[in-house]
Amino acid sequence: MPPGSNNPFGIKAAAGQPSVTVRTREETRSGRSFHIRAPFRKFATLAEAFEAHGRLLATHRAYGEARRHSDDPDAYADALTGRYATDTHYGTLLKTIMRSRDLYRYNAPAVVSR
């Protein structure tokens, strides 16, 4: 979380939004890593950040493919790769975390724990 941002999701800031600028690692589609300084949203509270994050995932067109997989957590995670985060292994990382922390148990009953 960028210091002083109340932004645990690392949401980048658009022009005119309150922000903090920090160094961050980005990745090209080919997997080459590089660092930039980028503005990240600054929220008054964590609750505000959670609301903005939920709105972003639910409405932003970049995440439309992920929303088509709302019944399949693994496909949803894979669909975020290259969209939500530039890390070419983002979906794999999310699935590893979901498995290691048994987060599949929070899905609808039709989805079986992996």
PDB file of N, CA and C in Angstrom:
ATOM      1  N   MET A   1       0.861  -1.170   0.000  1.00  0.00           N
ATOM      2  CA  MET A   1       0.000   0.000   0.000  1.00  0.00           C
ATOM      3  C   MET A   1       0.907   1.232   0.000  1.00  0.00           C
ATOM      4  N   PRO A   2       0.713   2.108  -0.971  1.00  0.00           N
ATOM      5  CA  PRO A   2       1.535   3.331  -0.985  1.00  0.00           C
ATOM      6  C   PRO A   2       1.364   4.109   0.326  1.00  0.00           C
ATOM      7  N   PRO A   3       2.474   4.513   0.943  1.00  0.00           N
ATOM      8  CA  PRO A   3       2.397   5.234   2.214  1.00  0.00           C
ATOM      9  C   PRO A   3       1.470   6.452   2.136  1.00  0.00           C
ATOM     10  N   GLY A   4       0.619   6.583   3.159  1.00  0.00           N
ATOM     11  CA  GLY A   4      -0.274   7.728   3.249  1.00  0.00           C
ATOM     12  C   GLY A   4      -1.429   7.719   2.270  1.00  0.00           C
ATOM     13  N   SER A   5      -1.737   6.544   1.687  1.00  0.00           N
ATOM     14  CA  SER A   5      -2.763   6.509   0.638  1.00  0.00           C
ATOM     15  C   SER A   5      -4.085   5.867   1.046  1.00  0.00           C
ATOM     16  N   ASN A   6      -4.101   5.040   2.088  1.00  0.00           N
ATOM     17  CA  ASN A   6      -5.284   4.233   2.410  1.00  0.00           C
ATOM     18  C   ASN A   6      -5.746   3.455   1.178  1.00  0.00           C
ATOM     19  N   ASN A   7      -4.795   2.945   0.389  1.00  0.00           N
ATOM     20  CA  ASN A   7      -5.081   2.302  -0.890  1.00  0.00           C
ATOM     21  C   ASN A   7      -4.453   0.905  -0.930  1.00  0.00           C
ATOM     22  N   PRO A   8      -5.090  -0.083  -0.257  1.00  0.00           N
ATOM     23  CA  PRO A   8      -4.490  -1.419  -0.214  1.00  0.00           C
ATOM     24  C   PRO A   8      -4.526  -2.147  -1.546  1.00  0.00           C
ATOM     25  N   PHE A   9      -5.273  -1.641  -2.513  1.00  0.00           N
ATOM     26  CA  PHE A   9      -5.409  -2.318  -3.802  1.00  0.00           C
ATOM     27  C   PHE A   9      -4.470  -1.761  -4.866  1.00  0.00           C
ATOM     28  N   GLY A  10      -3.750  -0.707  -4.556  1.00  0.00           N
ATOM     29  CA  GLY A  10      -2.824  -0.134  -5.535  1.00  0.00           C
ATOM     30  C   GLY A  10      -3.524   0.462  -6.733  1.00  0.00           C
ATOM     31  N   ILE A  11      -4.673   1.091  -6.513  1.00  0.00           N
ATOM     32  CA  ILE A  11      -5.421   1.718  -7.613  1.00  0.00           C
ATOM     33  C   ILE A  11      -4.668   2.961  -8.056  1.00  0.00           C
ATOM     34  N   LYS A  12      -4.396   3.036  -9.346  1.00  0.00           N
ATOM     35  CA  LYS A  12      -3.698   4.205  -9.874  1.00  0.00           C
ATOM     36  C   LYS A  12      -4.674   5.378  -9.961  1.00  0.00           C
ATOM     37  N   ALA A  13      -4.129   6.579  -9.853  1.00  0.00           N
ATOM     38  CA  ALA A  13      -4.950   7.795  -9.884  1.00  0.00           C
ATOM     39  C   ALA A  13      -5.092   8.316 -11.308  1.00  0.00           C
ATOM     40  N   ALA A  14      -6.257   8.815 -11.600  1.00  0.00           N
ATOM     41  CA  ALA A  14      -6.502   9.522 -12.861  1.00  0.00           C
ATOM     42  C   ALA A  14      -6.232  11.006 -12.606  1.00  0.00           C
ATOM     43  N   ALA A  15      -6.096  11.754 -13.669  1.00  0.00           N
ATOM     44  CA  ALA A  15      -5.850  13.195 -13.557  1.00  0.00           C
ATOM     45  C   ALA A  15      -6.906  13.851 -12.676  1.00  0.00           C
ATOM     46  N   GLY A  16      -6.459  14.658 -11.742  1.00  0.00           N
ATOM     47  CA  GLY A  16      -7.356  15.403 -10.870  1.00  0.00           C
ATOM     48  C   GLY A  16      -7.781  14.680  -9.603  1.00  0.00           C
ATOM     49  N   GLN A  17      -7.472  13.399  -9.479  1.00  0.00           N
ATOM     50  CA  GLN A  17      -7.826  12.662  -8.270  1.00  0.00           C
ATOM     51  C   GLN A  17      -6.731  12.839  -7.223  1.00  0.00           C
ATOM     52  N   PRO A  18      -7.101  12.858  -5.939  1.00  0.00           N
ATOM     53  CA  PRO A  18      -6.077  12.923  -4.887  1.00  0.00           C
ATOM     54  C   PRO A  18      -5.124  11.741  -5.044  1.00  0.00           C
ATOM     55  N   SER A  19      -3.822  11.991  -4.888  1.00  0.00           N
ATOM     56  CA  SER A  19      -2.873  10.913  -5.132  1.00  0.00           C
ATOM     57  C   SER A  19      -1.584  11.084  -4.340  1.00  0.00           C
ATOM     58  N   VAL A  20      -0.833   9.987  -4.288  1.00  0.00           N
ATOM     59  CA  VAL A  20       0.542   9.989  -3.813  1.00  0.00           C
ATOM     60  C   VAL A  20       1.358   9.351  -4.931  1.00  0.00           C
ATOM     61  N   THR A  21       2.546   9.877  -5.178  1.00  0.00           N
ATOM     62  CA  THR A  21       3.389   9.331  -6.237  1.00  0.00           C
ATOM     63  C   THR A  21       4.501   8.503  -5.621  1.00  0.00           C
ATOM     64  N   VAL A  22       4.600   7.257  -6.077  1.00  0.00           N
ATOM     65  CA  VAL A  22       5.608   6.331  -5.555  1.00  0.00           C
ATOM     66  C   VAL A  22       6.228   5.525  -6.693  1.00  0.00           C
ATOM     67  N   ARG A  23       7.360   4.938  -6.397  1.00  0.00           N
ATOM     68  CA  ARG A  23       8.031   4.058  -7.347  1.00  0.00           C
ATOM     69  C   ARG A  23       7.307   2.720  -7.340  1.00  0.00           C
ATOM     70  N   THR A  24       7.076   2.167  -8.523  1.00  0.00           N
ATOM     71  CA  THR A  24       6.374   0.898  -8.632  1.00  0.00           C
ATOM     72  C   THR A  24       6.979   0.061  -9.752  1.00  0.00           C
ATOM     73  N   ARG A  25       6.840  -1.237  -9.616  1.00  0.00           N
ATOM     74  CA  ARG A  25       7.335  -2.160 -10.641  1.00  0.00           C
ATOM     75  C   ARG A  25       6.218  -2.463 -11.624  1.00  0.00           C
ATOM     76  N   GLU A  26       6.529  -2.363 -12.885  1.00  0.00           N
ATOM     77  CA  GLU A  26       5.596  -2.698 -13.953  1.00  0.00           C
ATOM     78  C   GLU A  26       6.226  -3.801 -14.792  1.00  0.00           C
ATOM     79  N   GLU A  27       5.427  -4.394 -15.660  1.00  0.00           N
ATOM     80  CA  GLU A  27       5.911  -5.458 -16.514  1.00  0.00           C
ATOM     81  C   GLU A  27       5.337  -5.302 -17.912  1.00  0.00           C
ATOM     82  N   THR A  28       6.148  -5.576 -18.922  1.00  0.00           N
ATOM     83  CA  THR A  28       5.657  -5.592 -20.298  1.00  0.00           C
ATOM     84  C   THR A  28       4.929  -6.915 -20.520  1.00  0.00           C
ATOM     85  N   ARG A  29       4.187  -7.016 -21.595  1.00  0.00           N
ATOM     86  CA  ARG A  29       3.484  -8.273 -21.903  1.00  0.00           C
ATOM     87  C   ARG A  29       4.452  -9.436 -22.090  1.00  0.00           C
ATOM     88  N   SER A  30       5.683  -9.131 -22.468  1.00  0.00           N
ATOM     89  CA  SER A  30       6.683 -10.186 -22.649  1.00  0.00           C
ATOM     90  C   SER A  30       7.356 -10.573 -21.330  1.00  0.00           C
ATOM     91  N   GLY A  31       7.019  -9.887 -20.239  1.00  0.00           N
ATOM     92  CA  GLY A  31       7.548 -10.230 -18.924  1.00  0.00           C
ATOM     93  C   GLY A  31       8.748  -9.414 -18.480  1.00  0.00           C
ATOM     94  N   ARG A  32       9.167  -8.432 -19.288  1.00  0.00           N
ATOM     95  CA  ARG A  32      10.293  -7.584 -18.883  1.00  0.00           C
ATOM     96  C   ARG A  32       9.826  -6.638 -17.784  1.00  0.00           C
ATOM     97  N   SER A  33      10.566  -6.595 -16.696  1.00  0.00           N
ATOM     98  CA  SER A  33      10.228  -5.776 -15.536  1.00  0.00           C
ATOM     99  C   SER A  33      10.969  -4.449 -15.585  1.00  0.00           C
ATOM    100  N   PHE A  34      10.286  -3.383 -15.167  1.00  0.00           N
ATOM    101  CA  PHE A  34      10.916  -2.066 -15.087  1.00  0.00           C
ATOM    102  C   PHE A  34      10.210  -1.267 -14.001  1.00  0.00           C
ATOM    103  N   HIS A  35      10.837  -0.188 -13.554  1.00  0.00           N
ATOM    104  CA  HIS A  35      10.260   0.647 -12.497  1.00  0.00           C
ATOM    105  C   HIS A  35       9.896   2.020 -13.054  1.00  0.00           C
ATOM    106  N   ILE A  36       8.807   2.561 -12.533  1.00  0.00           N
ATOM    107  CA  ILE A  36       8.380   3.918 -12.864  1.00  0.00           C
ATOM    108  C   ILE A  36       7.908   4.591 -11.582  1.00  0.00           C
ATOM    109  N   ARG A  37       7.749   5.883 -11.640  1.00  0.00           N
ATOM    110  CA  ARG A  37       7.074   6.620 -10.568  1.00  0.00           C
ATOM    111  C   ARG A  37       5.670   6.883 -11.080  1.00  0.00           C
ATOM    112  N   ALA A  38       4.675   6.523 -10.290  1.00  0.00           N
ATOM    113  CA  ALA A  38       3.292   6.640 -10.735  1.00  0.00           C
ATOM    114  C   ALA A  38       2.409   7.180  -9.612  1.00  0.00           C
ATOM    115  N   PRO A  39       1.354   7.909  -9.995  1.00  0.00           N
ATOM    116  CA  PRO A  39       0.404   8.396  -8.995  1.00  0.00           C
ATOM    117  C   PRO A  39      -0.611   7.311  -8.632  1.00  0.00           C
ATOM    118  N   PHE A  40      -0.759   7.081  -7.336  1.00  0.00           N
ATOM    119  CA  PHE A  40      -1.752   6.135  -6.834  1.00  0.00           C
ATOM    120  C   PHE A  40      -2.817   6.909  -6.079  1.00  0.00           C
ATOM    121  N   ARG A  41      -4.073   6.429  -6.202  1.00  0.00           N
ATOM    122  CA  ARG A  41      -5.178   7.102  -5.526  1.00  0.00           C
ATOM    123  C   ARG A  41      -4.915   7.219  -4.038  1.00  0.00           C
ATOM    124  N   LYS A  42      -5.320   8.342  -3.495  1.00  0.00           N
ATOM    125  CA  LYS A  42      -5.255   8.588  -2.058  1.00  0.00           C
ATOM    126  C   LYS A  42      -6.701   8.668  -1.571  1.00  0.00           C
ATOM    127  N   PHE A  43      -7.047   7.797  -0.633  1.00  0.00           N
ATOM    128  CA  PHE A  43      -8.401   7.745  -0.099  1.00  0.00           C
ATOM    129  C   PHE A  43      -8.411   8.277   1.329  1.00  0.00           C
ATOM    130  N   ALA A  44      -9.516   8.884   1.714  1.00  0.00           N
ATOM    131  CA  ALA A  44      -9.656   9.408   3.073  1.00  0.00           C
ATOM    132  C   ALA A  44      -9.714   8.274   4.094  1.00  0.00           C
ATOM    133  N   THR A  45     -10.328   7.145   3.695  1.00  0.00           N
ATOM    134  CA  THR A  45     -10.474   6.004   4.601  1.00  0.00           C
ATOM    135  C   THR A  45     -10.295   4.708   3.823  1.00  0.00           C
ATOM    136  N   LEU A  46     -10.034   3.632   4.559  1.00  0.00           N
ATOM    137  CA  LEU A  46      -9.978   2.319   3.917  1.00  0.00           C
ATOM    138  C   LEU A  46     -11.346   1.934   3.356  1.00  0.00           C
ATOM    139  N   ALA A  47     -12.414   2.296   4.050  1.00  0.00           N
ATOM    140  CA  ALA A  47     -13.759   1.987   3.563  1.00  0.00           C
ATOM    141  C   ALA A  47     -13.993   2.616   2.189  1.00  0.00           C
ATOM    142  N   GLU A  48     -13.528   3.836   2.007  1.00  0.00           N
ATOM    143  CA  GLU A  48     -13.658   4.511   0.714  1.00  0.00           C
ATOM    144  C   GLU A  48     -12.881   3.743  -0.361  1.00  0.00           C
ATOM    145  N   ALA A  49     -11.704   3.237  -0.009  1.00  0.00           N
ATOM    146  CA  ALA A  49     -10.903   2.464  -0.956  1.00  0.00           C
ATOM    147  C   ALA A  49     -11.607   1.165  -1.344  1.00  0.00           C
ATOM    148  N   PHE A  50     -12.205   0.478  -0.370  1.00  0.00           N
ATOM    149  CA  PHE A  50     -12.919  -0.763  -0.663  1.00  0.00           C
ATOM    150  C   PHE A  50     -14.113  -0.501  -1.579  1.00  0.00           C
ATOM    151  N   GLU A  51     -14.832   0.569  -1.337  1.00  0.00           N
ATOM    152  CA  GLU A  51     -15.966   0.915  -2.204  1.00  0.00           C
ATOM    153  C   GLU A  51     -15.494   1.203  -3.630  1.00  0.00           C
ATOM    154  N   ALA A  52     -14.428   1.971  -3.758  1.00  0.00           N
ATOM    155  CA  ALA A  52     -13.903   2.307  -5.085  1.00  0.00           C
ATOM    156  C   ALA A  52     -13.401   1.061  -5.810  1.00  0.00           C
ATOM    157  N   HIS A  53     -12.753   0.163  -5.083  1.00  0.00           N
ATOM    158  CA  HIS A  53     -12.241  -1.067  -5.687  1.00  0.00           C
ATOM    159  C   HIS A  53     -13.390  -1.936  -6.185  1.00  0.00           C
ATOM    160  N   GLY A  54     -14.420  -2.095  -5.378  1.00  0.00           N
ATOM    161  CA  GLY A  54     -15.589  -2.871  -5.793  1.00  0.00           C
ATOM    162  C   GLY A  54     -16.253  -2.281  -7.020  1.00  0.00           C
ATOM    163  N   ARG A  55     -16.387  -0.962  -7.031  1.00  0.00           N
ATOM    164  CA  ARG A  55     -16.988  -0.268  -8.184  1.00  0.00           C
ATOM    165  C   ARG A  55     -16.133  -0.478  -9.432  1.00  0.00           C
ATOM    166  N   LEU A  56     -14.830  -0.374  -9.263  1.00  0.00           N
ATOM    167  CA  LEU A  56     -13.906  -0.544 -10.380  1.00  0.00           C
ATOM    168  C   LEU A  56     -14.051  -1.933 -11.009  1.00  0.00           C
ATOM    169  N   LEU A  57     -14.009  -2.973 -10.190  1.00  0.00           N
ATOM    170  CA  LEU A  57     -14.126  -4.330 -10.714  1.00  0.00           C
ATOM    171  C   LEU A  57     -15.507  -4.615 -11.301  1.00  0.00           C
ATOM    172  N   ALA A  58     -16.528  -3.990 -10.732  1.00  0.00           N
ATOM    173  CA  ALA A  58     -17.901  -4.254 -11.185  1.00  0.00           C
ATOM    174  C   ALA A  58     -18.302  -3.477 -12.429  1.00  0.00           C
ATOM    175  N   THR A  59     -17.630  -2.369 -12.707  1.00  0.00           N
ATOM    176  CA  THR A  59     -18.117  -1.520 -13.792  1.00  0.00           C
ATOM    177  C   THR A  59     -17.104  -1.166 -14.874  1.00  0.00           C
ATOM    178  N   HIS A  60     -15.816  -1.202 -14.573  1.00  0.00           N
ATOM    179  CA  HIS A  60     -14.827  -0.752 -15.554  1.00  0.00           C
ATOM    180  C   HIS A  60     -14.774  -1.746 -16.715  1.00  0.00           C
ATOM    181  N   ARG A  61     -14.769  -1.229 -17.930  1.00  0.00           N
ATOM    182  CA  ARG A  61     -14.822  -2.115 -19.095  1.00  0.00           C
ATOM    183  C   ARG A  61     -13.592  -3.014 -19.218  1.00  0.00           C
ATOM    184  N   ALA A  62     -12.465  -2.602 -18.672  1.00  0.00           N
ATOM    185  CA  ALA A  62     -11.254  -3.431 -18.743  1.00  0.00           C
ATOM    186  C   ALA A  62     -11.430  -4.770 -18.035  1.00  0.00           C
ATOM    187  N   TYR A  63     -12.382  -4.854 -17.109  1.00  0.00           N
ATOM    188  CA  TYR A  63     -12.578  -6.081 -16.346  1.00  0.00           C
ATOM    189  C   TYR A  63     -13.813  -6.855 -16.810  1.00  0.00           C
ATOM    190  N   GLY A  64     -14.345  -6.500 -17.967  1.00  0.00           N
ATOM    191  CA  GLY A  64     -15.518  -7.180 -18.506  1.00  0.00           C
ATOM    192  C   GLY A  64     -15.297  -8.669 -18.697  1.00  0.00           C
ATOM    193  N   GLU A  65     -14.133  -9.038 -19.203  1.00  0.00           N
ATOM    194  CA  GLU A  65     -13.835 -10.468 -19.402  1.00  0.00           C
ATOM    195  C   GLU A  65     -13.822 -11.191 -18.062  1.00  0.00           C
ATOM    196  N   ALA A  66     -13.251 -10.603 -17.051  1.00  0.00           N
ATOM    197  CA  ALA A  66     -13.235 -11.234 -15.725  1.00  0.00           C
ATOM    198  C   ALA A  66     -14.666 -11.416 -15.216  1.00  0.00           C
ATOM    199  N   ARG A  67     -15.504 -10.398 -15.397  1.00  0.00           N
ATOM    200  CA  ARG A  67     -16.896 -10.498 -14.920  1.00  0.00           C
ATOM    201  C   ARG A  67     -17.648 -11.634 -15.599  1.00  0.00           C
ATOM    202  N   ARG A  68     -17.265 -11.995 -16.810  1.00  0.00           N
ATOM    203  CA  ARG A  68     -17.916 -13.120 -17.492  1.00  0.00           C
ATOM    204  C   ARG A  68     -17.586 -14.454 -16.804  1.00  0.00           C
ATOM    205  N   HIS A  69     -16.620 -14.447 -15.913  1.00  0.00           N
ATOM    206  CA  HIS A  69     -16.218 -15.667 -15.213  1.00  0.00           C
ATOM    207  C   HIS A  69     -16.518 -15.575 -13.715  1.00  0.00           C
ATOM    208  N   SER A  70     -17.566 -14.854 -13.352  1.00  0.00           N
ATOM    209  CA  SER A  70     -17.871 -14.665 -11.930  1.00  0.00           C
ATOM    210  C   SER A  70     -18.200 -15.979 -11.222  1.00  0.00           C
ATOM    211  N   ASP A  71     -18.515 -17.017 -11.984  1.00  0.00           N
ATOM    212  CA  ASP A  71     -18.814 -18.317 -11.385  1.00  0.00           C
ATOM    213  C   ASP A  71     -17.580 -19.224 -11.310  1.00  0.00           C
ATOM    214  N   ASP A  72     -16.439 -18.744 -11.794  1.00  0.00           N
ATOM    215  CA  ASP A  72     -15.216 -19.546 -11.818  1.00  0.00           C
ATOM    216  C   ASP A  72     -14.038 -18.699 -11.337  1.00  0.00           C
ATOM    217  N   PRO A  73     -13.684 -18.804 -10.059  1.00  0.00           N
ATOM    218  CA  PRO A  73     -12.641 -17.950  -9.498  1.00  0.00           C
ATOM    219  C   PRO A  73     -11.299 -18.041 -10.227  1.00  0.00           C
ATOM    220  N   ASP A  74     -10.944 -19.233 -10.702  1.00  0.00           N
ATOM    221  CA  ASP A  74      -9.666 -19.375 -11.399  1.00  0.00           C
ATOM    222  C   ASP A  74      -9.675 -18.638 -12.740  1.00  0.00           C
ATOM    223  N   ALA A  75     -10.742 -18.784 -13.489  1.00  0.00           N
ATOM    224  CA  ALA A  75     -10.849 -18.086 -14.778  1.00  0.00           C
ATOM    225  C   ALA A  75     -10.922 -16.572 -14.547  1.00  0.00           C
ATOM    226  N   TYR A  76     -11.598 -16.155 -13.491  1.00  0.00           N
ATOM    227  CA  TYR A  76     -11.670 -14.728 -13.141  1.00  0.00           C
ATOM    228  C   TYR A  76     -10.264 -14.196 -12.872  1.00  0.00           C
ATOM    229  N   ALA A  77      -9.496 -14.917 -12.069  1.00  0.00           N
ATOM    230  CA  ALA A  77      -8.126 -14.499 -11.752  1.00  0.00           C
ATOM    231  C   ALA A  77      -7.284 -14.414 -13.017  1.00  0.00           C
ATOM    232  N   ASP A  78      -7.395 -15.414 -13.882  1.00  0.00           N
ATOM    233  CA  ASP A  78      -6.625 -15.404 -15.121  1.00  0.00           C
ATOM    234  C   ASP A  78      -7.015 -14.223 -16.008  1.00  0.00           C
ATOM    235  N   ALA A  79      -8.305 -13.882 -16.025  1.00  0.00           N
ATOM    236  CA  ALA A  79      -8.781 -12.781 -16.872  1.00  0.00           C
ATOM    237  C   ALA A  79      -8.299 -11.419 -16.374  1.00  0.00           C
ATOM    238  N   LEU A  80      -7.898 -11.325 -15.120  1.00  0.00           N
ATOM    239  CA  LEU A  80      -7.360 -10.064 -14.598  1.00  0.00           C
ATOM    240  C   LEU A  80      -5.910  -9.839 -15.020  1.00  0.00           C
ATOM    241  N   THR A  81      -5.214 -10.931 -15.377  1.00  0.00           N
ATOM    242  CA  THR A  81      -3.808 -10.829 -15.766  1.00  0.00           C
ATOM    243  C   THR A  81      -3.672  -9.928 -16.988  1.00  0.00           C
ATOM    244  N   GLY A  82      -2.771  -8.949 -16.873  1.00  0.00           N
ATOM    245  CA  GLY A  82      -2.547  -8.018 -17.970  1.00  0.00           C
ATOM    246  C   GLY A  82      -3.569  -6.900 -18.040  1.00  0.00           C
ATOM    247  N   ARG A  83      -4.560  -6.934 -17.184  1.00  0.00           N
ATOM    248  CA  ARG A  83      -5.590  -5.896 -17.139  1.00  0.00           C
ATOM    249  C   ARG A  83      -5.519  -5.147 -15.811  1.00  0.00           C
ATOM    250  N   TYR A  84      -5.755  -5.907 -14.736  1.00  0.00           N
ATOM    251  CA  TYR A  84      -5.754  -5.312 -13.399  1.00  0.00           C
ATOM    252  C   TYR A  84      -4.333  -5.047 -12.938  1.00  0.00           C
ATOM    253  N   ALA A  85      -3.443  -5.930 -13.305  1.00  0.00           N
ATOM    254  CA  ALA A  85      -2.033  -5.797 -12.947  1.00  0.00           C
ATOM    255  C   ALA A  85      -1.188  -6.177 -14.156  1.00  0.00           C
ATOM    256  N   THR A  86      -0.051  -5.538 -14.305  1.00  0.00           N
ATOM    257  CA  THR A  86       0.796  -5.840 -15.451  1.00  0.00           C
ATOM    258  C   THR A  86       1.614  -7.112 -15.253  1.00  0.00           C
ATOM    259  N   ASP A  87       1.663  -7.648 -14.039  1.00  0.00           N
ATOM    260  CA  ASP A  87       2.418  -8.867 -13.756  1.00  0.00           C
ATOM    261  C   ASP A  87       1.881 -10.004 -14.628  1.00  0.00           C
ATOM    262  N   THR A  88       2.738 -10.581 -15.456  1.00  0.00           N
ATOM    263  CA  THR A  88       2.309 -11.647 -16.369  1.00  0.00           C
ATOM    264  C   THR A  88       1.919 -12.925 -15.629  1.00  0.00           C
ATOM    265  N   HIS A  89       2.233 -13.006 -14.345  1.00  0.00           N
ATOM    266  CA  HIS A  89       1.880 -14.178 -13.539  1.00  0.00           C
ATOM    267  C   HIS A  89       0.806 -13.836 -12.494  1.00  0.00           C
ATOM    268  N   TYR A  90       0.095 -12.743 -12.685  1.00  0.00           N
ATOM    269  CA  TYR A  90      -0.865 -12.268 -11.686  1.00  0.00           C
ATOM    270  C   TYR A  90      -1.942 -13.308 -11.382  1.00  0.00           C
ATOM    271  N   GLY A  91      -2.544 -13.886 -12.417  1.00  0.00           N
ATOM    272  CA  GLY A  91      -3.589 -14.888 -12.201  1.00  0.00           C
ATOM    273  C   GLY A  91      -3.069 -16.092 -11.436  1.00  0.00           C
ATOM    274  N   THR A  92      -1.885 -16.548 -11.793  1.00  0.00           N
ATOM    275  CA  THR A  92      -1.267 -17.678 -11.098  1.00  0.00           C
ATOM    276  C   THR A  92      -1.030 -17.339  -9.631  1.00  0.00           C
ATOM    277  N   LEU A  93      -0.538 -16.146  -9.374  1.00  0.00           N
ATOM    278  CA  LEU A  93      -0.311 -15.707  -7.991  1.00  0.00           C
ATOM    279  C   LEU A  93      -1.625 -15.684  -7.206  1.00  0.00           C
ATOM    280  N   LEU A  94      -2.681 -15.111  -7.795  1.00  0.00           N
ATOM    281  CA  LEU A  94      -3.980 -15.078  -7.101  1.00  0.00           C
ATOM    282  C   LEU A  94      -4.475 -16.488  -6.788  1.00  0.00           C
ATOM    283  N   LYS A  95      -4.371 -17.383  -7.752  1.00  0.00           N
ATOM    284  CA  LYS A  95      -4.844 -18.752  -7.534  1.00  0.00           C
ATOM    285  C   LYS A  95      -4.027 -19.452  -6.449  1.00  0.00           C
ATOM    286  N   THR A  96      -2.732 -19.201  -6.391  1.00  0.00           N
ATOM    287  CA  THR A  96      -1.896 -19.770  -5.346  1.00  0.00           C
ATOM    288  C   THR A  96      -2.351 -19.278  -3.975  1.00  0.00           C
ATOM    289  N   ILE A  97      -2.633 -17.989  -3.877  1.00  0.00           N
ATOM    290  CA  ILE A  97      -3.116 -17.418  -2.611  1.00  0.00           C
ATOM    291  C   ILE A  97      -4.484 -17.990  -2.257  1.00  0.00           C
ATOM    292  N   MET A  98      -5.383 -18.082  -3.240  1.00  0.00           N
ATOM    293  CA  MET A  98      -6.722 -18.615  -2.971  1.00  0.00           C
ATOM    294  C   MET A  98      -6.641 -20.050  -2.468  1.00  0.00           C
ATOM    295  N   ARG A  99      -5.764 -20.852  -3.086  1.00  0.00           N
ATOM    296  CA  ARG A  99      -5.611 -22.248  -2.640  1.00  0.00           C
ATOM    297  C   ARG A  99      -4.973 -22.326  -1.254  1.00  0.00           C
ATOM    298  N   SER A 100      -3.891 -21.586  -1.045  1.00  0.00           N
ATOM    299  CA  SER A 100      -3.161 -21.705   0.214  1.00  0.00           C
ATOM    300  C   SER A 100      -3.963 -21.208   1.417  1.00  0.00           C
ATOM    301  N   ARG A 101      -4.899 -20.332   1.173  1.00  0.00           N
ATOM    302  CA  ARG A 101      -5.708 -19.786   2.277  1.00  0.00           C
ATOM    303  C   ARG A 101      -7.143 -20.312   2.258  1.00  0.00           C
ATOM    304  N   ASP A 102      -7.386 -21.309   1.424  1.00  0.00           N
ATOM    305  CA  ASP A 102      -8.710 -21.940   1.291  1.00  0.00           C
ATOM    306  C   ASP A 102      -9.814 -20.905   1.071  1.00  0.00           C
ATOM    307  N   LEU A 103      -9.559 -19.956   0.194  1.00  0.00           N
ATOM    308  CA  LEU A 103     -10.541 -18.904  -0.061  1.00  0.00           C
ATOM    309  C   LEU A 103     -11.705 -19.377  -0.940  1.00  0.00           C
ATOM    310  N   TYR A 104     -11.563 -20.525  -1.582  1.00  0.00           N
ATOM    311  CA  TYR A 104     -12.653 -21.063  -2.399  1.00  0.00           C
ATOM    312  C   TYR A 104     -13.874 -21.374  -1.540  1.00  0.00           C
ATOM    313  N   ARG A 105     -13.673 -21.559  -0.261  1.00  0.00           N
ATOM    314  CA  ARG A 105     -14.804 -21.883   0.629  1.00  0.00           C
ATOM    315  C   ARG A 105     -15.836 -20.763   0.673  1.00  0.00           C
ATOM    316  N   TYR A 106     -15.460 -19.544   0.251  1.00  0.00           N
ATOM    317  CA  TYR A 106     -16.387 -18.415   0.279  1.00  0.00           C
ATOM    318  C   TYR A 106     -17.203 -18.279  -0.999  1.00  0.00           C
ATOM    319  N   ASN A 107     -16.999 -19.163  -1.953  1.00  0.00           N
ATOM    320  CA  ASN A 107     -17.746 -19.121  -3.209  1.00  0.00           C
ATOM    321  C   ASN A 107     -19.131 -19.722  -3.022  1.00  0.00           C
ATOM    322  N   ALA A 108     -19.959 -19.515  -4.031  1.00  0.00           N
ATOM    323  CA  ALA A 108     -21.292 -20.100  -4.024  1.00  0.00           C
ATOM    324  C   ALA A 108     -21.175 -21.620  -3.884  1.00  0.00           C
ATOM    325  N   PRO A 109     -22.172 -22.275  -3.312  1.00  0.00           N
ATOM    326  CA  PRO A 109     -22.101 -23.725  -3.079  1.00  0.00           C
ATOM    327  C   PRO A 109     -21.797 -24.543  -4.324  1.00  0.00           C
ATOM    328  N   ALA A 110     -22.132 -24.042  -5.516  1.00  0.00           N
ATOM    329  CA  ALA A 110     -21.904 -24.804  -6.744  1.00  0.00           C
ATOM    330  C   ALA A 110     -20.426 -24.937  -7.081  1.00  0.00           C
ATOM    331  N   VAL A 111     -19.591 -24.058  -6.529  1.00  0.00           N
ATOM    332  CA  VAL A 111     -18.161 -24.110  -6.820  1.00  0.00           C
ATOM    333  C   VAL A 111     -17.487 -24.965  -5.766  1.00  0.00           C
ATOM    334  N   VAL A 112     -16.811 -25.990  -6.201  1.00  0.00           N
ATOM    335  CA  VAL A 112     -16.157 -26.938  -5.300  1.00  0.00           C
ATOM    336  C   VAL A 112     -14.763 -26.444  -4.954  1.00  0.00           C
ATOM    337  N   SER A 113     -14.369 -26.597  -3.696  1.00  0.00           N
ATOM    338  CA  SER A 113     -13.022 -26.230  -3.267  1.00  0.00           C
ATOM    339  C   SER A 113     -11.995 -27.051  -4.027  1.00  0.00           C
ATOM    340  N   ARG A 114     -10.942 -26.379  -4.449  1.00  0.00           N
ATOM    341  CA  ARG A 114      -9.910 -27.065  -5.253  1.00  0.00           C
ATOM    342  C   ARG A 114      -8.836 -27.595  -4.372  1.00  0.00           C
TER     343      ARG A 114
END
